[in-house]
PDB file of N, CA and C in Angstrom:
ATOM      1  N   MET A   1     147.493 161.867 125.337  1.00  0.00           N
ATOM      2  CA  MET A   1     148.028 160.924 124.584  1.00  0.00           C
ATOM      3  C   MET A   1     148.369 161.446 123.338  1.00  0.00           C
ATOM      4  N   THR A   2     149.752 161.056 122.562  1.00  0.00           N
ATOM      5  CA  THR A   2     150.131 161.576 121.527  1.00  0.00           C
ATOM      6  C   THR A   2     149.496 160.755 120.602  1.00  0.00           C
ATOM      7  N   GLN A   3     149.631 161.685 119.132  1.00  0.00           N
ATOM      8  CA  GLN A   3     149.216 160.734 118.067  1.00  0.00           C
ATOM      9  C   GLN A   3     150.271 160.520 117.171  1.00  0.00           C
ATOM     10  N   THR A   4     150.166 159.062 116.774  1.00  0.00           N
ATOM     11  CA  THR A   4     151.290 158.623 116.004  1.00  0.00           C
ATOM     12  C   THR A   4     151.206 159.109 114.508  1.00  0.00           C
ATOM     13  N   ASP A   5     152.444 158.490 113.834  1.00  0.00           N
ATOM     14  CA  ASP A   5     152.386 158.773 112.242  1.00  0.00           C
ATOM     15  C   ASP A   5     152.082 157.495 111.574  1.00  0.00           C
ATOM     16  N   THR A   6     151.685 156.692 112.430  1.00  0.00           N
ATOM     17  CA  THR A   6     151.277 155.471 111.556  1.00  0.00           C
ATOM     18  C   THR A   6     149.555 155.392 111.276  1.00  0.00           C
ATOM     19  N   SER A   7     149.299 155.024 110.152  1.00  0.00           N
ATOM     20  CA  SER A   7     147.863 155.079 109.975  1.00  0.00           C
ATOM     21  C   SER A   7     147.337 153.481 110.468  1.00  0.00           C
ATOM     22  N   ARG A   8     145.888 153.551 110.779  1.00  0.00           N
ATOM     23  CA  ARG A   8     145.294 152.334 111.269  1.00  0.00           C
ATOM     24  C   ARG A   8     145.313 151.100 110.252  1.00  0.00           C
ATOM     25  N   PRO A   9     145.485 150.018 110.790  1.00  0.00           N
ATOM     26  CA  PRO A   9     145.369 148.895 109.418  1.00  0.00           C
ATOM     27  C   PRO A   9     143.758 149.020 108.596  1.00  0.00           C
ATOM     28  N   TRP A  10     142.841 149.687 109.183  1.00  0.00           N
ATOM     29  CA  TRP A  10     141.831 149.946 108.392  1.00  0.00           C
ATOM     30  C   TRP A  10     142.096 150.943 107.235  1.00  0.00           C
ATOM     31  N   ASN A  11     142.893 151.856 107.081  1.00  0.00           N
ATOM     32  CA  ASN A  11     142.934 152.938 106.473  1.00  0.00           C
ATOM     33  C   ASN A  11     144.022 152.174 105.315  1.00  0.00           C
ATOM     34  N   ARG A  12     144.772 151.564 105.817  1.00  0.00           N
ATOM     35  CA  ARG A  12     145.649 150.655 104.794  1.00  0.00           C
ATOM     36  C   ARG A  12     144.999 149.841 103.868  1.00  0.00           C
ATOM     37  N   CYS A  13     144.088 148.939 104.634  1.00  0.00           N
ATOM     38  CA  CYS A  13     143.401 148.158 103.694  1.00  0.00           C
ATOM     39  C   CYS A  13     142.109 148.783 102.709  1.00  0.00           C
ATOM     40  N   LEU A  14     141.728 149.731 103.316  1.00  0.00           N
ATOM     41  CA  LEU A  14     141.145 150.697 102.358  1.00  0.00           C
ATOM     42  C   LEU A  14     141.682 151.113 101.299  1.00  0.00           C
ATOM     43  N   THR A  15     142.856 151.623 101.386  1.00  0.00           N
ATOM     44  CA  THR A  15     143.807 151.951 100.668  1.00  0.00           C
ATOM     45  C   THR A  15     144.022 151.140  99.451  1.00  0.00           C
ATOM     46  N   LEU A  16     144.621 150.002  99.929  1.00  0.00           N
ATOM     47  CA  LEU A  16     144.887 149.001  99.362  1.00  0.00           C
ATOM     48  C   LEU A  16     143.935 148.409  98.146  1.00  0.00           C
ATOM     49  N   ALA A  17     142.532 148.245  98.812  1.00  0.00           N
ATOM     50  CA  ALA A  17     141.382 147.804  97.711  1.00  0.00           C
ATOM     51  C   ALA A  17     141.460 148.940  96.893  1.00  0.00           C
ATOM     52  N   ALA A  18     141.481 150.164  97.287  1.00  0.00           N
ATOM     53  CA  ALA A  18     141.137 151.175  96.595  1.00  0.00           C
ATOM     54  C   ALA A  18     142.078 151.382  94.986  1.00  0.00           C
ATOM     55  N   CYS A  19     143.266 150.839  96.027  1.00  0.00           N
ATOM     56  CA  CYS A  19     144.651 150.947  94.380  1.00  0.00           C
ATOM     57  C   CYS A  19     144.314 149.448  93.609  1.00  0.00           C
ATOM     58  N   TYR A  20     143.635 148.720  93.994  1.00  0.00           N
ATOM     59  CA  TYR A  20     143.445 147.345  93.519  1.00  0.00           C
ATOM     60  C   TYR A  20     142.576 147.667  91.929  1.00  0.00           C
ATOM     61  N   VAL A  21     141.115 148.285  92.849  1.00  0.00           N
ATOM     62  CA  VAL A  21     140.062 148.615  91.757  1.00  0.00           C
ATOM     63  C   VAL A  21     140.554 149.715  90.805  1.00  0.00           C
ATOM     64  N   GLY A  22     141.274 150.608  91.158  1.00  0.00           N
ATOM     65  CA  GLY A  22     141.640 151.507  90.326  1.00  0.00           C
ATOM     66  C   GLY A  22     142.834 151.052  89.213  1.00  0.00           C
ATOM     67  N   LEU A  23     143.654 149.967  89.793  1.00  0.00           N
ATOM     68  CA  LEU A  23     144.405 149.507  88.493  1.00  0.00           C
ATOM     69  C   LEU A  23     143.756 148.581  87.877  1.00  0.00           C
ATOM     70  N   ALA A  24     142.524 147.905  87.966  1.00  0.00           N
ATOM     71  CA  ALA A  24     142.066 147.211  87.305  1.00  0.00           C
ATOM     72  C   ALA A  24     141.167 147.795  86.473  1.00  0.00           C
ATOM     73  N   ALA A  25     140.844 149.096  86.778  1.00  0.00           N
ATOM     74  CA  ALA A  25     140.046 149.945  85.834  1.00  0.00           C
ATOM     75  C   ALA A  25     140.965 150.698  84.694  1.00  0.00           C
ATOM     76  N   ALA A  26     142.141 150.954  85.345  1.00  0.00           N
ATOM     77  CA  ALA A  26     143.265 151.843  84.277  1.00  0.00           C
ATOM     78  C   ALA A  26     143.767 150.291  83.386  1.00  0.00           C
ATOM     79  N   SER A  27     143.663 149.210  83.536  1.00  0.00           N
ATOM     80  CA  SER A  27     144.378 148.289  83.074  1.00  0.00           C
ATOM     81  C   SER A  27     143.434 147.971  81.847  1.00  0.00           C
ATOM     82  N   SER A  28     141.946 147.951  82.408  1.00  0.00           N
ATOM     83  CA  SER A  28     141.002 147.760  81.193  1.00  0.00           C
ATOM     84  C   SER A  28     140.735 148.620  80.058  1.00  0.00           C
ATOM     85  N   VAL A  29     141.128 150.021  80.845  1.00  0.00           N
ATOM     86  CA  VAL A  29     141.133 151.110  79.128  1.00  0.00           C
ATOM     87  C   VAL A  29     142.468 151.032  78.607  1.00  0.00           C
ATOM     88  N   VAL A  30     143.393 150.350  79.351  1.00  0.00           N
ATOM     89  CA  VAL A  30     144.603 150.098  78.311  1.00  0.00           C
ATOM     90  C   VAL A  30     144.269 148.880  77.241  1.00  0.00           C
ATOM     91  N   TYR A  31     143.925 147.660  78.216  1.00  0.00           N
ATOM     92  CA  TYR A  31     143.328 146.871  77.230  1.00  0.00           C
ATOM     93  C   TYR A  31     142.549 147.039  75.976  1.00  0.00           C
ATOM     94  N   ASP A  32     141.547 148.249  76.203  1.00  0.00           N
ATOM     95  CA  ASP A  32     140.757 148.406  75.079  1.00  0.00           C
ATOM     96  C   ASP A  32     141.698 149.486  73.753  1.00  0.00           C
ATOM     97  N   ALA A  33     142.452 150.124  74.447  1.00  0.00           N
ATOM     98  CA  ALA A  33     143.255 151.066  73.699  1.00  0.00           C
ATOM     99  C   ALA A  33     144.230 150.265  72.981  1.00  0.00           C
ATOM    100  N   MET A  34     144.746 149.148  73.462  1.00  0.00           N
ATOM    101  CA  MET A  34     145.991 148.535  73.031  1.00  0.00           C
ATOM    102  C   MET A  34     144.989 147.565  71.687  1.00  0.00           C
ATOM    103  N   GLY A  35     143.519 147.349  71.531  1.00  0.00           N
ATOM    104  CA  GLY A  35     143.057 146.863  70.626  1.00  0.00           C
ATOM    105  C   GLY A  35     142.721 145.512  70.953  1.00  0.00           C
ATOM    106  N   ARG A  36     142.682 145.263  72.469  1.00  0.00           N
ATOM    107  CA  ARG A  36     142.371 144.026  73.030  1.00  0.00           C
ATOM    108  C   ARG A  36     143.021 142.992  72.924  1.00  0.00           C
ATOM    109  N   PRO A  37     144.395 142.824  73.357  1.00  0.00           N
ATOM    110  CA  PRO A  37     145.566 141.632  73.063  1.00  0.00           C
ATOM    111  C   PRO A  37     144.966 140.610  73.915  1.00  0.00           C
ATOM    112  N   GLU A  38     145.183 139.492  73.473  1.00  0.00           N
ATOM    113  CA  GLU A  38     144.827 137.999  74.149  1.00  0.00           C
ATOM    114  C   GLU A  38     145.559 138.076  75.410  1.00  0.00           C
ATOM    115  N   VAL A  39     146.994 138.576  75.248  1.00  0.00           N
ATOM    116  CA  VAL A  39     147.819 138.224  76.500  1.00  0.00           C
ATOM    117  C   VAL A  39     147.112 139.073  77.417  1.00  0.00           C
ATOM    118  N   LEU A  40     146.639 140.304  77.596  1.00  0.00           N
ATOM    119  CA  LEU A  40     146.386 141.457  78.480  1.00  0.00           C
ATOM    120  C   LEU A  40     144.961 141.266  78.895  1.00  0.00           C
ATOM    121  N   GLY A  41     144.013 140.341  77.838  1.00  0.00           N
ATOM    122  CA  GLY A  41     142.792 139.897  78.244  1.00  0.00           C
ATOM    123  C   GLY A  41     142.616 138.948  79.534  1.00  0.00           C
ATOM    124  N   THR A  42     143.643 137.904  78.776  1.00  0.00           N
ATOM    125  CA  THR A  42     143.981 137.025  79.963  1.00  0.00           C
ATOM    126  C   THR A  42     144.553 137.327  81.180  1.00  0.00           C
ATOM    127  N   LEU A  43     145.157 138.322  81.446  1.00  0.00           N
ATOM    128  CA  LEU A  43     145.878 138.699  82.690  1.00  0.00           C
ATOM    129  C   LEU A  43     144.776 139.271  83.386  1.00  0.00           C
ATOM    130  N   LEU A  44     143.882 140.037  82.634  1.00  0.00           N
ATOM    131  CA  LEU A  44     142.779 140.863  83.135  1.00  0.00           C
ATOM    132  C   LEU A  44     141.986 139.961  84.145  1.00  0.00           C
ATOM    133  N   GLY A  45     141.321 138.751  83.322  1.00  0.00           N
ATOM    134  CA  GLY A  45     140.457 137.933  83.397  1.00  0.00           C
ATOM    135  C   GLY A  45     140.952 137.062  84.880  1.00  0.00           C
ATOM    136  N   LEU A  46     142.386 136.827  84.966  1.00  0.00           N
ATOM    137  CA  LEU A  46     142.691 136.164  86.191  1.00  0.00           C
ATOM    138  C   LEU A  46     142.943 137.351  87.263  1.00  0.00           C
ATOM    139  N   ALA A  47     143.080 138.354  86.985  1.00  0.00           N
ATOM    140  CA  ALA A  47     143.377 139.331  87.917  1.00  0.00           C
ATOM    141  C   ALA A  47     141.713 139.657  88.890  1.00  0.00           C
ATOM    142  N   THR A  48     140.732 139.524  88.074  1.00  0.00           N
ATOM    143  CA  THR A  48     139.545 139.385  88.380  1.00  0.00           C
ATOM    144  C   THR A  48     138.591 138.485  88.315  1.00  0.00           C
ATOM    145  N   SER A  49     139.081 137.567  88.630  1.00  0.00           N
ATOM    146  CA  SER A  49     138.581 135.848  88.005  1.00  0.00           C
ATOM    147  C   SER A  49     137.336 136.050  88.875  1.00  0.00           C
ATOM    148  N   PRO A  50     137.023 135.443  90.063  1.00  0.00           N
ATOM    149  CA  PRO A  50     136.089 135.473  90.674  1.00  0.00           C
ATOM    150  C   PRO A  50     134.522 136.336  90.784  1.00  0.00           C
ATOM    151  N   GLY A  51     135.109 137.592  90.538  1.00  0.00           N
ATOM    152  CA  GLY A  51     134.379 138.769  90.546  1.00  0.00           C
ATOM    153  C   GLY A  51     133.888 139.048  89.225  1.00  0.00           C
ATOM    154  N   ALA A  52     134.518 138.847  88.081  1.00  0.00           N
ATOM    155  CA  ALA A  52     134.222 139.030  86.651  1.00  0.00           C
ATOM    156  C   ALA A  52     133.217 138.008  86.026  1.00  0.00           C
ATOM    157  N   VAL A  53     133.570 137.078  86.441  1.00  0.00           N
ATOM    158  CA  VAL A  53     132.591 135.761  86.429  1.00  0.00           C
ATOM    159  C   VAL A  53     131.348 135.886  86.788  1.00  0.00           C
ATOM    160  N   LEU A  54     131.301 136.212  88.301  1.00  0.00           N
ATOM    161  CA  LEU A  54     130.187 136.211  88.674  1.00  0.00           C
ATOM    162  C   LEU A  54     129.101 137.816  88.120  1.00  0.00           C
ATOM    163  N   ILE A  55     129.863 138.554  87.796  1.00  0.00           N
ATOM    164  CA  ILE A  55     129.285 139.611  86.989  1.00  0.00           C
ATOM    165  C   ILE A  55     128.523 139.443  85.958  1.00  0.00           C
ATOM    166  N   THR A  56     129.483 138.483  85.071  1.00  0.00           N
ATOM    167  CA  THR A  56     128.928 138.207  83.796  1.00  0.00           C
ATOM    168  C   THR A  56     127.734 137.201  83.898  1.00  0.00           C
ATOM    169  N   TYR A  57     127.816 136.166  84.808  1.00  0.00           N
ATOM    170  CA  TYR A  57     126.820 135.358  84.781  1.00  0.00           C
ATOM    171  C   TYR A  57     125.544 135.854  85.594  1.00  0.00           C
ATOM    172  N   PHE A  58     125.671 136.888  86.397  1.00  0.00           N
ATOM    173  CA  PHE A  58     124.419 137.341  87.431  1.00  0.00           C
ATOM    174  C   PHE A  58     124.020 138.603  86.759  1.00  0.00           C
ATOM    175  N   VAL A  59     124.572 139.259  86.044  1.00  0.00           N
ATOM    176  CA  VAL A  59     124.077 140.574  85.745  1.00  0.00           C
ATOM    177  C   VAL A  59     123.975 140.601  84.032  1.00  0.00           C
ATOM    178  N   ALA A  60     125.057 140.255  83.601  1.00  0.00           N
ATOM    179  CA  ALA A  60     125.179 140.428  81.838  1.00  0.00           C
ATOM    180  C   ALA A  60     124.179 139.442  81.172  1.00  0.00           C
ATOM    181  N   TYR A  61     124.562 138.367  81.380  1.00  0.00           N
ATOM    182  CA  TYR A  61     123.835 137.105  81.094  1.00  0.00           C
ATOM    183  C   TYR A  61     122.466 137.319  80.985  1.00  0.00           C
ATOM    184  N   PRO A  62     121.652 137.734  82.240  1.00  0.00           N
ATOM    185  CA  PRO A  62     120.044 137.698  82.479  1.00  0.00           C
ATOM    186  C   PRO A  62     119.782 139.212  81.553  1.00  0.00           C
ATOM    187  N   LEU A  63     120.475 140.550  81.315  1.00  0.00           N
ATOM    188  CA  LEU A  63     120.190 141.149  80.679  1.00  0.00           C
ATOM    189  C   LEU A  63     120.121 141.083  79.049  1.00  0.00           C
ATOM    190  N   ILE A  64     120.898 140.159  78.363  1.00  0.00           N
ATOM    191  CA  ILE A  64     120.880 139.546  77.230  1.00  0.00           C
ATOM    192  C   ILE A  64     119.805 138.447  76.710  1.00  0.00           C
ATOM    193  N   LEU A  65     119.697 137.764  77.598  1.00  0.00           N
ATOM    194  CA  LEU A  65     118.861 136.451  77.350  1.00  0.00           C
ATOM    195  C   LEU A  65     117.424 136.889  77.043  1.00  0.00           C
ATOM    196  N   PRO A  66     116.802 137.697  77.632  1.00  0.00           N
ATOM    197  CA  PRO A  66     115.467 137.872  76.955  1.00  0.00           C
ATOM    198  C   PRO A  66     115.512 138.743  75.557  1.00  0.00           C
ATOM    199  N   LEU A  67     116.530 138.877  75.264  1.00  0.00           N
ATOM    200  CA  LEU A  67     116.463 139.728  73.684  1.00  0.00           C
ATOM    201  C   LEU A  67     116.308 138.698  72.548  1.00  0.00           C
ATOM    202  N   ASP A  68     116.414 137.314  73.070  1.00  0.00           N
ATOM    203  CA  ASP A  68     116.534 136.555  71.896  1.00  0.00           C
ATOM    204  C   ASP A  68     117.464 136.800  70.779  1.00  0.00           C
ATOM    205  N   VAL A  69     118.442 137.265  70.894  1.00  0.00           N
ATOM    206  CA  VAL A  69     119.641 137.173  69.972  1.00  0.00           C
ATOM    207  C   VAL A  69     120.730 136.741  70.601  1.00  0.00           C
ATOM    208  N   PRO A  70     121.234 135.801  69.599  1.00  0.00           N
ATOM    209  CA  PRO A  70     122.344 135.186  69.799  1.00  0.00           C
ATOM    210  C   PRO A  70     123.615 136.070  70.343  1.00  0.00           C
ATOM    211  N   VAL A  71     124.676 135.753  71.580  1.00  0.00           N
ATOM    212  CA  VAL A  71     125.414 136.513  71.720  1.00  0.00           C
ATOM    213  C   VAL A  71     126.738 136.732  70.673  1.00  0.00           C
ATOM    214  N   GLU A  72     126.785 135.655  69.909  1.00  0.00           N
ATOM    215  CA  GLU A  72     128.009 135.821  68.864  1.00  0.00           C
ATOM    216  C   GLU A  72     127.300 136.879  68.138  1.00  0.00           C
ATOM    217  N   THR A  73     126.321 136.980  67.677  1.00  0.00           N
ATOM    218  CA  THR A  73     125.948 138.181  66.697  1.00  0.00           C
ATOM    219  C   THR A  73     125.901 139.646  67.406  1.00  0.00           C
ATOM    220  N   MET A  74     126.129 139.878  68.705  1.00  0.00           N
ATOM    221  CA  MET A  74     125.877 141.096  69.383  1.00  0.00           C
ATOM    222  C   MET A  74     127.446 141.575  69.464  1.00  0.00           C
ATOM    223  N   ALA A  75     128.269 140.909  69.549  1.00  0.00           N
ATOM    224  CA  ALA A  75     129.584 141.324  69.596  1.00  0.00           C
ATOM    225  C   ALA A  75     130.264 142.332  68.626  1.00  0.00           C
ATOM    226  N   PRO A  76     130.093 142.049  67.263  1.00  0.00           N
ATOM    227  CA  PRO A  76     130.575 142.565  66.071  1.00  0.00           C
ATOM    228  C   PRO A  76     129.916 143.964  66.091  1.00  0.00           C
ATOM    229  N   GLU A  77     128.653 144.068  66.371  1.00  0.00           N
ATOM    230  CA  GLU A  77     127.890 145.308  66.269  1.00  0.00           C
ATOM    231  C   GLU A  77     128.369 146.443  67.005  1.00  0.00           C
ATOM    232  N   THR A  78     128.808 145.871  68.288  1.00  0.00           N
ATOM    233  CA  THR A  78     129.139 146.956  69.456  1.00  0.00           C
ATOM    234  C   THR A  78     130.428 147.914  68.695  1.00  0.00           C
ATOM    235  N   PRO A  79     130.129 149.091  68.794  1.00  0.00           N
ATOM    236  CA  PRO A  79     131.564 150.084  68.453  1.00  0.00           C
ATOM    237  C   PRO A  79     132.468 149.862  69.126  1.00  0.00           C
ATOM    238  N   THR A  80     133.451 150.218  68.939  1.00  0.00           N
ATOM    239  CA  THR A  80     134.880 149.947  69.625  1.00  0.00           C
ATOM    240  C   THR A  80     135.152 151.475  70.464  1.00  0.00           C
ATOM    241  N   SER A  81     135.424 151.213  71.401  1.00  0.00           N
ATOM    242  CA  SER A  81     135.738 152.281  72.798  1.00  0.00           C
ATOM    243  C   SER A  81     136.660 152.172  73.429  1.00  0.00           C
ATOM    244  N   LEU A  82     137.088 152.891  74.193  1.00  0.00           N
ATOM    245  CA  LEU A  82     137.945 152.603  75.202  1.00  0.00           C
ATOM    246  C   LEU A  82     137.546 152.452  76.642  1.00  0.00           C
ATOM    247  N   PHE A  83     136.291 152.480  76.795  1.00  0.00           N
ATOM    248  CA  PHE A  83     135.672 152.002  78.046  1.00  0.00           C
ATOM    249  C   PHE A  83     134.539 150.987  77.608  1.00  0.00           C
ATOM    250  N   ASN A  84     134.957 149.964  76.503  1.00  0.00           N
ATOM    251  CA  ASN A  84     134.106 148.729  76.739  1.00  0.00           C
ATOM    252  C   ASN A  84     134.318 147.588  77.802  1.00  0.00           C
ATOM    253  N   SER A  85     135.119 147.593  78.079  1.00  0.00           N
ATOM    254  CA  SER A  85     135.622 146.157  79.096  1.00  0.00           C
ATOM    255  C   SER A  85     135.492 147.117  80.498  1.00  0.00           C
ATOM    256  N   LEU A  86     135.613 148.555  80.726  1.00  0.00           N
ATOM    257  CA  LEU A  86     135.841 148.998  81.930  1.00  0.00           C
ATOM    258  C   LEU A  86     134.722 148.417  82.816  1.00  0.00           C
ATOM    259  N   PRO A  87     133.220 148.474  82.295  1.00  0.00           N
ATOM    260  CA  PRO A  87     132.267 148.212  83.577  1.00  0.00           C
ATOM    261  C   PRO A  87     132.834 146.827  84.021  1.00  0.00           C
ATOM    262  N   LEU A  88     132.818 145.823  83.150  1.00  0.00           N
ATOM    263  CA  LEU A  88     133.128 144.539  83.552  1.00  0.00           C
ATOM    264  C   LEU A  88     134.343 143.755  84.531  1.00  0.00           C
ATOM    265  N   PHE A  89     135.401 144.634  83.972  1.00  0.00           N
ATOM    266  CA  PHE A  89     136.618 144.501  85.016  1.00  0.00           C
ATOM    267  C   PHE A  89     136.550 145.332  86.318  1.00  0.00           C
ATOM    268  N   THR A  90     135.906 146.524  86.327  1.00  0.00           N
ATOM    269  CA  THR A  90     135.982 147.226  87.455  1.00  0.00           C
ATOM    270  C   THR A  90     134.786 146.905  88.450  1.00  0.00           C
ATOM    271  N   ALA A  91     133.818 146.096  87.943  1.00  0.00           N
ATOM    272  CA  ALA A  91     132.798 145.562  88.679  1.00  0.00           C
ATOM    273  C   ALA A  91     133.328 144.367  89.264  1.00  0.00           C
ATOM    274  N   GLY A  92     133.983 143.574  88.512  1.00  0.00           N
ATOM    275  CA  GLY A  92     134.974 142.592  88.964  1.00  0.00           C
ATOM    276  C   GLY A  92     135.820 142.769  90.096  1.00  0.00           C
ATOM    277  N   ALA A  93     136.393 143.396  89.900  1.00  0.00           N
ATOM    278  CA  ALA A  93     137.539 143.978  91.316  1.00  0.00           C
ATOM    279  C   ALA A  93     136.583 144.483  92.316  1.00  0.00           C
ATOM    280  N   VAL A  94     135.433 145.083  92.195  1.00  0.00           N
ATOM    281  CA  VAL A  94     134.920 145.552  93.342  1.00  0.00           C
ATOM    282  C   VAL A  94     134.179 144.372  94.074  1.00  0.00           C
ATOM    283  N   VAL A  95     133.681 143.607  93.201  1.00  0.00           N
ATOM    284  CA  VAL A  95     133.027 142.138  93.845  1.00  0.00           C
ATOM    285  C   VAL A  95     134.281 141.458  94.479  1.00  0.00           C
ATOM    286  N   ASN A  96     135.187 141.216  94.023  1.00  0.00           N
ATOM    287  CA  ASN A  96     136.034 140.622  94.790  1.00  0.00           C
ATOM    288  C   ASN A  96     136.720 141.311  96.303  1.00  0.00           C
ATOM    289  N   VAL A  97     136.799 142.669  96.166  1.00  0.00           N
ATOM    290  CA  VAL A  97     137.063 143.551  97.296  1.00  0.00           C
ATOM    291  C   VAL A  97     135.758 142.983  98.341  1.00  0.00           C
ATOM    292  N   LEU A  98     134.867 143.054  97.645  1.00  0.00           N
ATOM    293  CA  LEU A  98     133.461 142.442  98.709  1.00  0.00           C
ATOM    294  C   LEU A  98     133.473 141.278  99.355  1.00  0.00           C
ATOM    295  N   LEU A  99     134.146 140.271  98.313  1.00  0.00           N
ATOM    296  CA  LEU A  99     134.218 138.988  99.002  1.00  0.00           C
ATOM    297  C   LEU A  99     135.422 138.840  99.944  1.00  0.00           C
ATOM    298  N   VAL A 100     136.390 139.570  99.754  1.00  0.00           N
ATOM    299  CA  VAL A 100     137.537 139.238 100.892  1.00  0.00           C
ATOM    300  C   VAL A 100     136.850 140.076 101.889  1.00  0.00           C
ATOM    301  N   TRP A 101     136.412 141.157 102.178  1.00  0.00           N
ATOM    302  CA  TRP A 101     135.865 141.781 102.935  1.00  0.00           C
ATOM    303  C   TRP A 101     135.140 140.753 104.142  1.00  0.00           C
ATOM    304  N   GLY A 102     133.913 140.243 103.414  1.00  0.00           N
ATOM    305  CA  GLY A 102     132.877 139.444 103.691  1.00  0.00           C
ATOM    306  C   GLY A 102     133.499 138.385 104.596  1.00  0.00           C
ATOM    307  N   ILE A 103     134.530 137.601 103.616  1.00  0.00           N
ATOM    308  CA  ILE A 103     135.194 136.350 104.099  1.00  0.00           C
ATOM    309  C   ILE A 103     136.295 136.734 105.486  1.00  0.00           C
ATOM    310  N   THR A 104     136.700 138.063 105.496  1.00  0.00           N
ATOM    311  CA  THR A 104     137.158 138.510 106.666  1.00  0.00           C
ATOM    312  C   THR A 104     136.148 138.675 107.885  1.00  0.00           C
ATOM    313  N   ALA A 105     135.599 139.329 107.592  1.00  0.00           N
ATOM    314  CA  ALA A 105     134.295 139.611 108.336  1.00  0.00           C
ATOM    315  C   ALA A 105     133.712 138.236 109.051  1.00  0.00           C
ATOM    316  N   PHE A 106     133.603 137.285 108.507  1.00  0.00           N
ATOM    317  CA  PHE A 106     133.056 136.008 108.949  1.00  0.00           C
ATOM    318  C   PHE A 106     134.301 135.251 109.454  1.00  0.00           C
ATOM    319  N   ALA A 107     135.343 135.531 109.229  1.00  0.00           N
ATOM    320  CA  ALA A 107     136.383 134.723 109.916  1.00  0.00           C
ATOM    321  C   ALA A 107     136.749 135.428 111.232  1.00  0.00           C
ATOM    322  N   ARG A 108     136.659 136.696 111.736  1.00  0.00           N
ATOM    323  CA  ARG A 108     136.992 137.180 112.761  1.00  0.00           C
ATOM    324  C   ARG A 108     135.754 137.031 113.863  1.00  0.00           C
ATOM    325  N   HIS A 109     134.381 137.058 113.281  1.00  0.00           N
ATOM    326  CA  HIS A 109     133.417 136.482 113.839  1.00  0.00           C
ATOM    327  C   HIS A 109     133.549 135.048 114.469  1.00  0.00           C
ATOM    328  N   PHE A 110     133.940 134.391 113.589  1.00  0.00           N
ATOM    329  CA  PHE A 110     133.839 132.701 114.142  1.00  0.00           C
ATOM    330  C   PHE A 110     135.002 132.722 114.827  1.00  0.00           C
ATOM    331  N   LEU A 111     136.062 133.452 114.901  1.00  0.00           N
ATOM    332  CA  LEU A 111     137.101 133.314 115.623  1.00  0.00           C
ATOM    333  C   LEU A 111     136.964 134.038 117.329  1.00  0.00           C
ATOM    334  N   ARG A 112     136.203 135.140 117.051  1.00  0.00           N
ATOM    335  CA  ARG A 112     135.505 135.721 118.292  1.00  0.00           C
ATOM    336  C   ARG A 112     134.545 134.451 119.093  1.00  0.00           C
ATOM    337  N   GLU A 113     133.623 134.286 118.348  1.00  0.00           N
ATOM    338  CA  GLU A 113     132.777 133.215 118.924  1.00  0.00           C
ATOM    339  C   GLU A 113     133.369 131.862 119.353  1.00  0.00           C
ATOM    340  N   ALA A 114     134.555 131.514 118.821  1.00  0.00           N
ATOM    341  CA  ALA A 114     135.361 130.652 119.303  1.00  0.00           C
ATOM    342  C   ALA A 114     135.979 130.702 120.575  1.00  0.00           C
ATOM    343  N   ARG A 115     136.655 131.946 120.986  1.00  0.00           N
ATOM    344  CA  ARG A 115     137.150 132.399 121.936  1.00  0.00           C
ATOM    345  C   ARG A 115     136.319 132.806 123.068  1.00  0.00           C
ATOM    346  N   ARG A 116     135.107 133.163 123.022  1.00  0.00           N
ATOM    347  CA  ARG A 116     134.284 133.137 123.951  1.00  0.00           C
ATOM    348  C   ARG A 116     133.481 131.956 124.347  1.00  0.00           C
ATOM    349  N   SER A 117     133.757 131.085 123.417  1.00  0.00           N
ATOM    350  CA  SER A 117     132.898 129.591 123.903  1.00  0.00           C
ATOM    351  C   SER A 117     133.787 128.964 124.594  1.00  0.00           C
ATOM    352  N   ALA A 118     135.107 129.178 124.406  1.00  0.00           N
ATOM    353  CA  ALA A 118     136.572 128.690 124.925  1.00  0.00           C
ATOM    354  C   ALA A 118     136.774 128.945 126.328  1.00  0.00           C
ATOM    355  N   ALA A 119     136.624 130.381 126.536  1.00  0.00           N
ATOM    356  CA  ALA A 119     136.322 131.087 127.906  1.00  0.00           C
ATOM    357  C   ALA A 119     135.641 130.592 128.958  1.00  0.00           C
ATOM    358  N   GLN A 120     134.396 129.957 128.317  1.00  0.00           N
ATOM    359  CA  GLN A 120     132.957 129.918 129.161  1.00  0.00           C
ATOM    360  C   GLN A 120     133.044 128.400 129.491  1.00  0.00           C
ATOM    361  N   ARG A 121     133.933 127.889 129.106  1.00  0.00           N
ATOM    362  CA  ARG A 121     134.204 126.390 129.723  1.00  0.00           C
ATOM    363  C   ARG A 121     135.452 126.220 131.077  1.00  0.00           C
TER     364      ARG A 121
END
């Protein structure tokens, strides 16, 4: 058996997912370096939308709520850095990759079971 030059689909999907997470991380650093322009923030929010929202509500807010400090007063005190938004957008991209992987695995399992039950009839 000869080896082909084409990679398996799994390697392509993994490479695509890694590129997506890396692009989200690099874009968040650029976003902070440019002084947080609203247009780029909106674009990053859309690119990582379900994951970033889930990270915000299930990770960030439960850590802030026990402090009894309003969120508005915490924002001006944080020092500006090139890595302020890096954890949020990168974790949002990772959550998006995991969501797509889970939905794809469920769909494959569902189709496999549907074929198996149709073959038994």
